[in-house]
N, C-alpha and C. Protein backbone atom coordinates (compact mmCIF):
# COMPACT_ATOMS: atom_id res chain seq x y z
N UNK A 1 34.27 -3.25 -3.06
CA UNK A 1 33.35 -2.80 -2.05
C UNK A 1 31.93 -3.21 -2.46
N UNK A 2 31.24 -3.88 -1.56
CA UNK A 2 29.88 -4.32 -1.82
C UNK A 2 28.90 -3.18 -1.57
N UNK A 3 27.87 -3.13 -2.40
CA UNK A 3 26.83 -2.12 -2.24
C UNK A 3 25.85 -2.54 -1.15
N UNK A 4 25.34 -1.57 -0.41
CA UNK A 4 24.31 -1.86 0.57
C UNK A 4 22.96 -1.88 -0.13
N UNK A 5 21.95 -2.39 0.56
CA UNK A 5 20.61 -2.43 -0.01
C UNK A 5 20.10 -1.04 -0.36
N UNK A 6 20.41 -0.06 0.48
CA UNK A 6 19.97 1.31 0.22
C UNK A 6 20.66 1.88 -1.02
N UNK A 7 21.93 1.57 -1.21
CA UNK A 7 22.64 2.02 -2.40
C UNK A 7 22.06 1.36 -3.66
N UNK A 8 21.69 0.09 -3.54
CA UNK A 8 21.07 -0.61 -4.67
C UNK A 8 19.77 0.07 -5.04
N UNK A 9 18.95 0.41 -4.03
CA UNK A 9 17.68 1.09 -4.28
C UNK A 9 17.91 2.40 -5.04
N UNK A 10 18.87 3.23 -4.60
CA UNK A 10 19.11 4.51 -5.24
C UNK A 10 19.65 4.34 -6.66
N UNK A 11 20.46 3.33 -6.88
CA UNK A 11 20.95 3.08 -8.24
C UNK A 11 19.81 2.68 -9.17
N UNK A 12 18.90 1.86 -8.68
CA UNK A 12 17.75 1.48 -9.49
C UNK A 12 16.85 2.68 -9.79
N UNK A 13 16.63 3.53 -8.80
CA UNK A 13 15.81 4.72 -9.03
C UNK A 13 16.49 5.67 -10.02
N UNK A 14 17.80 5.79 -9.93
CA UNK A 14 18.52 6.63 -10.89
C UNK A 14 18.41 6.06 -12.29
N UNK A 15 18.51 4.74 -12.42
CA UNK A 15 18.38 4.11 -13.74
C UNK A 15 16.99 4.34 -14.32
N UNK A 16 15.96 4.23 -13.50
CA UNK A 16 14.59 4.49 -13.95
C UNK A 16 14.45 5.94 -14.40
N UNK A 17 15.00 6.86 -13.62
CA UNK A 17 14.92 8.28 -13.96
C UNK A 17 15.61 8.57 -15.28
N UNK A 18 16.80 8.03 -15.47
CA UNK A 18 17.55 8.26 -16.70
C UNK A 18 16.81 7.66 -17.90
N UNK A 19 16.29 6.45 -17.75
CA UNK A 19 15.53 5.82 -18.84
C UNK A 19 14.29 6.64 -19.16
N UNK A 20 13.58 7.11 -18.13
CA UNK A 20 12.38 7.91 -18.36
C UNK A 20 12.73 9.23 -19.05
N UNK A 21 13.80 9.86 -18.61
CA UNK A 21 14.24 11.11 -19.22
C UNK A 21 14.56 10.90 -20.70
N UNK A 22 15.30 9.85 -21.00
CA UNK A 22 15.65 9.53 -22.39
C UNK A 22 14.38 9.31 -23.23
N UNK A 23 13.43 8.53 -22.71
CA UNK A 23 12.20 8.25 -23.45
C UNK A 23 11.36 9.52 -23.63
N UNK A 24 11.29 10.36 -22.60
CA UNK A 24 10.54 11.61 -22.73
C UNK A 24 11.16 12.51 -23.80
N UNK A 25 12.47 12.60 -23.82
CA UNK A 25 13.14 13.39 -24.85
C UNK A 25 12.89 12.80 -26.23
N UNK A 26 12.98 11.48 -26.35
CA UNK A 26 12.75 10.80 -27.62
C UNK A 26 11.33 11.05 -28.12
N UNK A 27 10.34 10.84 -27.23
CA UNK A 27 8.95 11.04 -27.64
C UNK A 27 8.63 12.52 -27.84
N UNK A 28 9.29 13.40 -27.08
CA UNK A 28 9.08 14.83 -27.25
C UNK A 28 9.54 15.31 -28.61
N UNK A 29 10.68 14.78 -29.06
CA UNK A 29 11.19 15.13 -30.38
C UNK A 29 10.24 14.63 -31.46
N UNK A 30 9.65 13.46 -31.24
CA UNK A 30 8.72 12.87 -32.21
C UNK A 30 7.32 13.51 -32.10
N UNK A 31 7.15 14.41 -31.12
CA UNK A 31 5.88 15.11 -30.88
C UNK A 31 4.74 14.12 -30.60
N UNK A 32 4.99 13.26 -29.62
CA UNK A 32 3.99 12.30 -29.18
C UNK A 32 3.71 12.51 -27.70
N UNK A 33 2.86 13.50 -27.37
CA UNK A 33 2.62 13.83 -25.96
C UNK A 33 1.99 12.69 -25.17
N UNK A 34 1.18 11.85 -25.79
CA UNK A 34 0.59 10.72 -25.07
C UNK A 34 1.67 9.75 -24.60
N UNK A 35 2.68 9.52 -25.43
CA UNK A 35 3.77 8.62 -25.05
C UNK A 35 4.63 9.22 -23.95
N UNK A 36 4.81 10.55 -23.99
CA UNK A 36 5.55 11.22 -22.91
C UNK A 36 4.79 11.06 -21.59
N UNK A 37 3.47 11.29 -21.62
CA UNK A 37 2.67 11.15 -20.41
C UNK A 37 2.70 9.72 -19.88
N UNK A 38 2.61 8.75 -20.78
CA UNK A 38 2.66 7.34 -20.37
C UNK A 38 4.01 6.99 -19.76
N UNK A 39 5.08 7.52 -20.33
CA UNK A 39 6.43 7.28 -19.80
C UNK A 39 6.56 7.86 -18.39
N UNK A 40 6.06 9.09 -18.20
CA UNK A 40 6.13 9.72 -16.88
C UNK A 40 5.31 8.91 -15.87
N UNK A 41 4.13 8.46 -16.26
CA UNK A 41 3.30 7.67 -15.38
C UNK A 41 3.99 6.35 -14.99
N UNK A 42 4.53 5.64 -15.96
CA UNK A 42 5.22 4.37 -15.68
C UNK A 42 6.44 4.59 -14.79
N UNK A 43 7.23 5.62 -15.09
CA UNK A 43 8.41 5.91 -14.26
C UNK A 43 8.00 6.25 -12.83
N UNK A 44 6.89 6.98 -12.67
CA UNK A 44 6.40 7.32 -11.33
C UNK A 44 5.99 6.07 -10.57
N UNK A 45 5.28 5.16 -11.24
CA UNK A 45 4.86 3.93 -10.59
C UNK A 45 6.05 3.06 -10.18
N UNK A 46 7.03 2.93 -11.05
CA UNK A 46 8.22 2.13 -10.73
C UNK A 46 8.99 2.78 -9.57
N UNK A 47 9.09 4.10 -9.57
CA UNK A 47 9.78 4.79 -8.48
C UNK A 47 9.05 4.59 -7.16
N UNK A 48 7.71 4.64 -7.19
CA UNK A 48 6.95 4.37 -5.96
C UNK A 48 7.21 2.96 -5.46
N UNK A 49 7.23 2.00 -6.37
CA UNK A 49 7.52 0.62 -5.99
C UNK A 49 8.91 0.50 -5.37
N UNK A 50 9.89 1.11 -6.00
CA UNK A 50 11.26 1.04 -5.48
C UNK A 50 11.37 1.73 -4.12
N UNK A 51 10.60 2.77 -3.90
CA UNK A 51 10.64 3.50 -2.64
C UNK A 51 10.15 2.65 -1.47
N UNK A 52 9.10 1.84 -1.70
CA UNK A 52 8.55 1.05 -0.61
C UNK A 52 9.16 -0.35 -0.51
N UNK A 53 9.98 -0.74 -1.47
CA UNK A 53 10.60 -2.07 -1.45
C UNK A 53 11.83 -2.09 -0.55
N UNK A 54 12.13 -3.28 -0.04
CA UNK A 54 13.31 -3.47 0.78
C UNK A 54 14.35 -4.22 -0.04
N UNK A 55 15.55 -3.71 -0.08
CA UNK A 55 16.63 -4.35 -0.80
C UNK A 55 17.73 -4.72 0.19
N UNK A 56 18.32 -5.88 -0.01
CA UNK A 56 19.44 -6.32 0.82
C UNK A 56 20.57 -6.77 -0.08
N UNK A 57 21.77 -6.33 0.24
CA UNK A 57 22.92 -6.84 -0.46
C UNK A 57 23.21 -8.24 0.07
N UNK A 58 24.10 -8.96 -0.59
CA UNK A 58 24.45 -10.30 -0.15
C UNK A 58 25.00 -10.27 1.27
N UNK A 59 25.81 -9.27 1.58
CA UNK A 59 26.41 -9.20 2.92
C UNK A 59 25.38 -8.84 3.99
N UNK A 60 24.29 -8.15 3.60
CA UNK A 60 23.26 -7.78 4.57
C UNK A 60 22.25 -8.90 4.79
N UNK A 61 22.15 -9.84 3.84
CA UNK A 61 21.15 -10.88 3.90
C UNK A 61 21.38 -11.74 5.13
N UNK A 62 20.38 -11.89 5.96
CA UNK A 62 20.49 -12.69 7.17
C UNK A 62 21.24 -12.03 8.29
N UNK A 63 21.46 -10.71 8.22
CA UNK A 63 22.26 -10.04 9.24
C UNK A 63 21.44 -9.20 10.21
N UNK A 64 20.12 -9.31 10.15
CA UNK A 64 19.27 -8.53 11.05
C UNK A 64 19.46 -8.99 12.49
N UNK A 65 18.84 -8.28 13.40
CA UNK A 65 19.00 -8.65 14.80
C UNK A 65 17.65 -8.83 15.47
N UNK A 66 17.65 -9.59 16.53
CA UNK A 66 16.46 -9.82 17.33
C UNK A 66 16.60 -9.05 18.64
N UNK A 67 15.46 -8.62 19.16
CA UNK A 67 15.49 -7.97 20.47
C UNK A 67 15.88 -9.02 21.51
N UNK A 68 16.73 -8.66 22.46
CA UNK A 68 17.12 -9.63 23.48
C UNK A 68 15.93 -9.97 24.38
N UNK A 69 15.96 -11.16 24.93
CA UNK A 69 14.90 -11.58 25.85
C UNK A 69 14.98 -10.74 27.12
N UNK A 70 13.83 -10.34 27.60
CA UNK A 70 13.77 -9.56 28.83
C UNK A 70 13.62 -10.48 30.04
N UNK A 71 13.76 -9.91 31.20
CA UNK A 71 13.61 -10.69 32.43
C UNK A 71 12.18 -11.21 32.52
N UNK A 72 12.02 -12.48 32.80
CA UNK A 72 10.71 -13.09 32.92
C UNK A 72 10.15 -13.62 31.61
N UNK A 73 10.82 -13.34 30.47
CA UNK A 73 10.37 -13.86 29.18
C UNK A 73 10.64 -15.36 29.10
N UNK A 74 9.74 -16.08 28.45
CA UNK A 74 10.01 -17.48 28.12
C UNK A 74 10.99 -17.49 26.96
N UNK A 75 11.99 -18.33 27.04
CA UNK A 75 13.02 -18.38 26.02
C UNK A 75 13.07 -19.78 25.41
N UNK A 76 13.18 -19.82 24.08
CA UNK A 76 13.36 -21.08 23.36
C UNK A 76 14.60 -20.93 22.49
N UNK A 77 15.09 -22.05 22.01
CA UNK A 77 16.22 -22.04 21.08
C UNK A 77 15.68 -22.40 19.71
N UNK A 78 16.03 -21.60 18.71
CA UNK A 78 15.59 -21.83 17.34
C UNK A 78 16.80 -21.95 16.44
N UNK A 79 16.75 -22.92 15.53
CA UNK A 79 17.80 -23.05 14.52
C UNK A 79 17.16 -23.41 13.20
N UNK A 80 17.83 -23.02 12.11
CA UNK A 80 17.38 -23.35 10.76
C UNK A 80 18.57 -23.99 10.07
N UNK A 81 18.45 -25.29 9.82
CA UNK A 81 19.56 -26.09 9.32
C UNK A 81 19.30 -26.54 7.87
N UNK A 82 20.14 -26.07 6.97
CA UNK A 82 20.04 -26.45 5.56
C UNK A 82 21.23 -27.31 5.15
N UNK A 83 21.83 -28.01 6.11
CA UNK A 83 23.03 -28.82 5.84
C UNK A 83 22.78 -29.91 4.81
N UNK A 84 21.58 -30.49 4.81
CA UNK A 84 21.29 -31.57 3.86
C UNK A 84 21.37 -31.08 2.42
N UNK A 85 21.21 -29.78 2.22
CA UNK A 85 21.31 -29.19 0.88
C UNK A 85 22.67 -28.55 0.66
N UNK A 86 23.60 -28.75 1.61
CA UNK A 86 24.95 -28.21 1.47
C UNK A 86 25.05 -26.73 1.80
N UNK A 87 24.07 -26.16 2.49
CA UNK A 87 24.10 -24.73 2.78
C UNK A 87 24.40 -24.42 4.24
N UNK A 88 24.58 -25.43 5.06
CA UNK A 88 24.87 -25.20 6.47
C UNK A 88 23.69 -24.58 7.20
N UNK A 89 23.98 -23.85 8.27
CA UNK A 89 22.93 -23.24 9.08
C UNK A 89 22.55 -21.88 8.49
N UNK A 90 21.27 -21.70 8.21
CA UNK A 90 20.78 -20.38 7.83
C UNK A 90 20.62 -19.53 9.09
N UNK A 91 20.36 -20.23 10.22
CA UNK A 91 20.32 -19.59 11.53
C UNK A 91 20.89 -20.60 12.52
N UNK A 92 22.07 -20.32 13.07
CA UNK A 92 22.61 -21.25 14.07
C UNK A 92 21.73 -21.23 15.31
N UNK A 93 21.88 -22.21 16.21
CA UNK A 93 21.05 -22.21 17.41
C UNK A 93 21.08 -20.84 18.10
N UNK A 94 19.90 -20.25 18.24
CA UNK A 94 19.76 -18.89 18.75
C UNK A 94 18.66 -18.85 19.80
N UNK A 95 18.95 -18.26 20.94
CA UNK A 95 17.91 -18.12 21.97
C UNK A 95 17.02 -16.94 21.61
N UNK A 96 15.71 -17.20 21.67
CA UNK A 96 14.72 -16.20 21.26
C UNK A 96 13.63 -16.13 22.33
N UNK A 97 13.18 -14.91 22.62
CA UNK A 97 12.05 -14.73 23.54
C UNK A 97 10.79 -15.22 22.85
N UNK A 98 10.01 -16.00 23.56
CA UNK A 98 8.78 -16.56 23.03
C UNK A 98 7.62 -15.69 23.47
N UNK A 99 6.79 -15.27 22.52
CA UNK A 99 5.62 -14.48 22.87
C UNK A 99 4.48 -15.42 23.26
N UNK A 100 3.65 -14.97 24.17
CA UNK A 100 2.54 -15.79 24.65
C UNK A 100 1.61 -16.17 23.50
N UNK A 101 1.31 -17.48 23.41
CA UNK A 101 0.41 -17.98 22.38
C UNK A 101 1.02 -18.08 21.00
N UNK A 102 2.34 -17.90 20.90
CA UNK A 102 3.02 -17.92 19.61
C UNK A 102 3.30 -19.36 19.18
N UNK A 103 2.90 -19.70 17.97
CA UNK A 103 3.14 -21.04 17.44
C UNK A 103 4.56 -21.16 16.91
N UNK A 104 4.96 -22.38 16.60
CA UNK A 104 6.28 -22.62 16.01
C UNK A 104 6.40 -21.84 14.70
N UNK A 105 5.33 -21.83 13.90
CA UNK A 105 5.37 -21.11 12.62
C UNK A 105 5.45 -19.60 12.85
N UNK A 106 4.64 -19.06 13.76
CA UNK A 106 4.67 -17.62 14.03
C UNK A 106 6.05 -17.18 14.52
N UNK A 107 6.67 -18.00 15.36
CA UNK A 107 8.03 -17.72 15.84
C UNK A 107 9.00 -17.70 14.67
N UNK A 108 8.90 -18.70 13.80
CA UNK A 108 9.79 -18.77 12.62
C UNK A 108 9.60 -17.53 11.75
N UNK A 109 8.37 -17.14 11.50
CA UNK A 109 8.10 -15.97 10.67
C UNK A 109 8.69 -14.71 11.29
N UNK A 110 8.54 -14.56 12.60
CA UNK A 110 9.08 -13.37 13.28
C UNK A 110 10.60 -13.33 13.21
N UNK A 111 11.22 -14.47 13.44
CA UNK A 111 12.69 -14.52 13.45
C UNK A 111 13.26 -14.34 12.04
N UNK A 112 12.67 -15.00 11.05
CA UNK A 112 13.19 -14.84 9.69
C UNK A 112 13.03 -13.40 9.20
N UNK A 113 11.95 -12.75 9.61
CA UNK A 113 11.78 -11.33 9.23
C UNK A 113 12.86 -10.48 9.89
N UNK A 114 13.12 -10.72 11.17
CA UNK A 114 14.14 -9.95 11.88
C UNK A 114 15.53 -10.20 11.31
N UNK A 115 15.76 -11.40 10.80
CA UNK A 115 17.07 -11.78 10.27
C UNK A 115 17.18 -11.56 8.76
N UNK A 116 16.14 -10.96 8.15
CA UNK A 116 16.13 -10.69 6.71
C UNK A 116 16.27 -11.96 5.87
N UNK A 117 15.70 -13.04 6.35
CA UNK A 117 15.69 -14.29 5.59
C UNK A 117 14.34 -14.41 4.90
N UNK A 118 14.36 -14.61 3.62
CA UNK A 118 13.12 -14.76 2.87
C UNK A 118 12.46 -16.09 3.24
N UNK A 119 11.14 -16.05 3.42
CA UNK A 119 10.41 -17.26 3.76
C UNK A 119 9.09 -17.25 2.99
N UNK A 120 8.69 -18.42 2.54
CA UNK A 120 7.40 -18.57 1.87
C UNK A 120 6.66 -19.71 2.52
N UNK A 121 5.40 -19.43 2.89
CA UNK A 121 4.57 -20.42 3.56
C UNK A 121 3.23 -20.53 2.87
N UNK A 122 2.55 -21.61 3.16
CA UNK A 122 1.18 -21.81 2.69
C UNK A 122 0.45 -22.48 3.85
N UNK A 123 -0.41 -21.72 4.52
CA UNK A 123 -1.05 -22.25 5.72
C UNK A 123 0.01 -22.50 6.77
N UNK A 124 0.05 -23.70 7.31
CA UNK A 124 1.07 -24.06 8.29
C UNK A 124 2.27 -24.74 7.68
N UNK A 125 2.35 -24.72 6.35
CA UNK A 125 3.41 -25.43 5.64
C UNK A 125 4.47 -24.45 5.16
N UNK A 126 5.74 -24.77 5.39
CA UNK A 126 6.84 -23.92 4.94
C UNK A 126 7.31 -24.44 3.59
N UNK A 127 7.19 -23.59 2.58
CA UNK A 127 7.60 -23.95 1.22
C UNK A 127 9.08 -23.66 0.99
N UNK A 128 9.60 -22.59 1.57
CA UNK A 128 10.99 -22.24 1.36
C UNK A 128 11.50 -21.27 2.41
N UNK A 129 12.78 -21.39 2.70
CA UNK A 129 13.47 -20.47 3.62
C UNK A 129 14.82 -20.13 3.01
N UNK A 130 15.14 -18.84 2.99
CA UNK A 130 16.46 -18.40 2.54
C UNK A 130 16.82 -18.83 1.13
N UNK A 131 15.83 -18.93 0.25
CA UNK A 131 16.10 -19.31 -1.14
C UNK A 131 16.17 -20.81 -1.37
N UNK A 132 15.90 -21.61 -0.35
CA UNK A 132 15.90 -23.07 -0.47
C UNK A 132 14.46 -23.56 -0.34
N UNK A 133 13.95 -24.20 -1.39
CA UNK A 133 12.54 -24.56 -1.47
C UNK A 133 12.33 -26.06 -1.53
N UNK A 134 11.07 -26.42 -1.24
CA UNK A 134 10.67 -27.82 -1.40
C UNK A 134 10.95 -28.22 -2.85
N UNK A 135 11.31 -29.45 -3.04
CA UNK A 135 11.58 -30.05 -4.35
C UNK A 135 12.87 -29.55 -5.00
N UNK A 136 13.62 -28.67 -4.36
CA UNK A 136 14.90 -28.22 -4.93
C UNK A 136 15.90 -29.37 -5.03
N UNK A 137 15.75 -30.37 -4.17
CA UNK A 137 16.69 -31.49 -4.14
C UNK A 137 15.94 -32.82 -4.27
N UNK A 138 14.97 -32.84 -5.17
CA UNK A 138 14.24 -34.07 -5.41
C UNK A 138 12.77 -33.97 -5.02
N UNK A 139 12.01 -34.97 -5.43
CA UNK A 139 10.56 -34.98 -5.22
C UNK A 139 10.16 -35.06 -3.75
N UNK A 140 11.04 -35.52 -2.89
CA UNK A 140 10.71 -35.66 -1.47
C UNK A 140 11.49 -34.70 -0.59
N UNK A 141 12.00 -33.63 -1.17
CA UNK A 141 12.79 -32.69 -0.38
C UNK A 141 11.91 -31.54 0.11
N UNK A 142 12.30 -30.98 1.24
CA UNK A 142 11.56 -29.85 1.79
C UNK A 142 11.91 -29.60 3.24
N UNK A 143 11.15 -28.71 3.86
CA UNK A 143 11.40 -28.28 5.23
C UNK A 143 10.54 -29.05 6.22
N UNK A 144 11.15 -29.43 7.34
CA UNK A 144 10.46 -30.09 8.44
C UNK A 144 10.87 -29.39 9.73
N UNK A 145 10.12 -29.64 10.78
CA UNK A 145 10.53 -29.09 12.08
C UNK A 145 10.48 -30.18 13.14
N UNK A 146 11.25 -29.96 14.18
CA UNK A 146 11.28 -30.85 15.33
C UNK A 146 11.38 -29.99 16.58
N UNK A 147 10.76 -30.46 17.65
CA UNK A 147 10.86 -29.78 18.95
C UNK A 147 11.47 -30.78 19.91
N UNK A 148 12.59 -30.40 20.49
CA UNK A 148 13.34 -31.24 21.42
C UNK A 148 13.67 -32.59 20.79
N UNK A 149 14.02 -32.58 19.50
CA UNK A 149 14.46 -33.78 18.79
C UNK A 149 13.34 -34.67 18.27
N UNK A 150 12.09 -34.27 18.48
CA UNK A 150 10.96 -35.08 18.02
C UNK A 150 10.24 -34.33 16.91
N UNK A 151 10.09 -35.00 15.76
CA UNK A 151 9.45 -34.39 14.61
C UNK A 151 8.04 -33.94 14.93
N UNK A 152 7.65 -32.82 14.35
CA UNK A 152 6.33 -32.26 14.58
C UNK A 152 5.23 -33.20 14.09
N UNK A 153 4.26 -33.46 14.96
CA UNK A 153 3.15 -34.35 14.60
C UNK A 153 1.90 -33.57 14.21
N UNK A 154 1.93 -32.25 14.38
CA UNK A 154 0.84 -31.38 13.96
C UNK A 154 1.44 -30.23 13.16
N UNK A 155 0.58 -29.48 12.51
CA UNK A 155 1.02 -28.33 11.73
C UNK A 155 1.83 -27.38 12.61
N UNK A 156 2.84 -26.77 12.01
CA UNK A 156 3.65 -25.81 12.75
C UNK A 156 2.85 -24.58 13.17
N UNK A 157 1.73 -24.35 12.51
CA UNK A 157 0.86 -23.23 12.88
C UNK A 157 0.04 -23.56 14.13
N UNK A 158 -0.04 -24.84 14.49
CA UNK A 158 -0.82 -25.27 15.64
C UNK A 158 0.03 -25.57 16.88
N UNK A 159 1.29 -25.94 16.66
CA UNK A 159 2.13 -26.36 17.79
C UNK A 159 2.59 -25.14 18.58
N UNK A 160 2.31 -25.13 19.88
CA UNK A 160 2.71 -24.03 20.76
C UNK A 160 3.89 -24.48 21.63
N UNK A 161 5.08 -23.96 21.35
CA UNK A 161 6.25 -24.36 22.15
C UNK A 161 6.17 -23.76 23.55
N UNK A 162 7.02 -24.30 24.42
CA UNK A 162 7.06 -23.81 25.80
C UNK A 162 8.50 -23.48 26.18
N UNK A 163 8.64 -22.82 27.32
CA UNK A 163 9.94 -22.40 27.84
C UNK A 163 10.96 -23.52 27.74
N UNK A 164 12.13 -23.20 27.20
CA UNK A 164 13.24 -24.14 27.15
C UNK A 164 13.24 -25.07 25.94
N UNK A 165 12.19 -25.07 25.13
CA UNK A 165 12.15 -25.95 23.96
C UNK A 165 13.26 -25.59 22.98
N UNK A 166 13.74 -26.62 22.29
CA UNK A 166 14.69 -26.43 21.20
C UNK A 166 13.93 -26.75 19.92
N UNK A 167 13.74 -25.72 19.09
CA UNK A 167 12.98 -25.86 17.84
C UNK A 167 13.97 -25.86 16.69
N UNK A 168 13.89 -26.91 15.92
CA UNK A 168 14.84 -27.07 14.82
C UNK A 168 14.08 -27.20 13.51
N UNK A 169 14.27 -26.26 12.62
CA UNK A 169 13.77 -26.37 11.25
C UNK A 169 14.93 -26.93 10.44
N UNK A 170 14.65 -27.97 9.68
CA UNK A 170 15.74 -28.60 8.92
C UNK A 170 15.23 -29.04 7.56
N UNK A 171 16.12 -28.95 6.61
CA UNK A 171 15.81 -29.33 5.23
C UNK A 171 16.18 -30.78 5.05
N UNK A 172 15.27 -31.53 4.43
CA UNK A 172 15.53 -32.94 4.14
C UNK A 172 15.48 -33.15 2.63
N UNK A 173 16.24 -34.10 2.17
CA UNK A 173 16.20 -34.44 0.74
C UNK A 173 15.25 -35.60 0.49
N UNK A 174 14.73 -36.20 1.58
CA UNK A 174 13.75 -37.28 1.45
C UNK A 174 12.84 -37.27 2.68
N UNK A 175 11.54 -37.07 2.44
CA UNK A 175 10.58 -37.06 3.53
C UNK A 175 10.48 -38.42 4.22
N UNK A 176 11.00 -39.45 3.58
CA UNK A 176 10.95 -40.78 4.20
C UNK A 176 11.77 -40.82 5.48
N UNK A 177 12.56 -39.77 5.72
CA UNK A 177 13.29 -39.66 6.98
C UNK A 177 12.30 -39.42 8.12
N UNK A 178 11.07 -39.05 7.78
CA UNK A 178 10.00 -38.88 8.77
C UNK A 178 10.31 -37.81 9.78
N UNK A 179 9.85 -38.03 11.00
CA UNK A 179 10.01 -37.04 12.06
C UNK A 179 11.35 -37.11 12.75
N UNK A 180 12.24 -37.96 12.29
CA UNK A 180 13.57 -38.05 12.91
C UNK A 180 14.44 -36.92 12.41
N UNK A 181 15.13 -36.26 13.30
CA UNK A 181 16.04 -35.21 12.86
C UNK A 181 17.32 -35.87 12.40
N UNK A 182 17.82 -35.45 11.24
CA UNK A 182 19.05 -36.06 10.71
C UNK A 182 20.28 -35.70 11.53
C-alpha cells in the first residue's frame, strides 16, 4: 500500500517529534538547558515547515484536476511531451479554459500547478517540468513550445494563444531541431 502525501507529512512530523524528545531527554540528563531550548526551537521550526509544505506520493504526482471549461470560455489544447527523454507524456493532450490575457507560460504554470507537476522557470524560459530539466540529456537538451505545430518565435511569457490553439511543450535532446516539433 502506497502512502499518501498527507501520511508522509504526518510520518515526518512524528519522526521530528521523536528525535526532539530523545534529544531533550538526553540534554536534560546532561543538565544542559540551553541545548534543550535549542532542540525545542529547531523542532518547532521544522514542524512549522512540514505543516505548510505540500507532499505528494508517487501515485498522487500529476493526478490533480483542472476546472472544466465553462460555456463561453475560450478553450485551447495543452500537452507536455517528454517522449524524447523516454518519459512519454507528462500531460496528454488536454482541453483547458484559457483566461483572458494569459500567456503560453502562464497557462503552463496554472496547469502544472493544478496537476501537481513540478516546474521551474526563469523569466519566460522553462528550465524543467516534472523532474526533467535542461541539459539532462546533453548540452542542447531542454524544453521548447509550439503553437499549432509552429515553434515559438517569442518568449512563452509573451505569446498569447487564442481559442482553438494547440499548445505543445516538448523536450528535445538537441536544440538544433529548432522550432520544428519532433
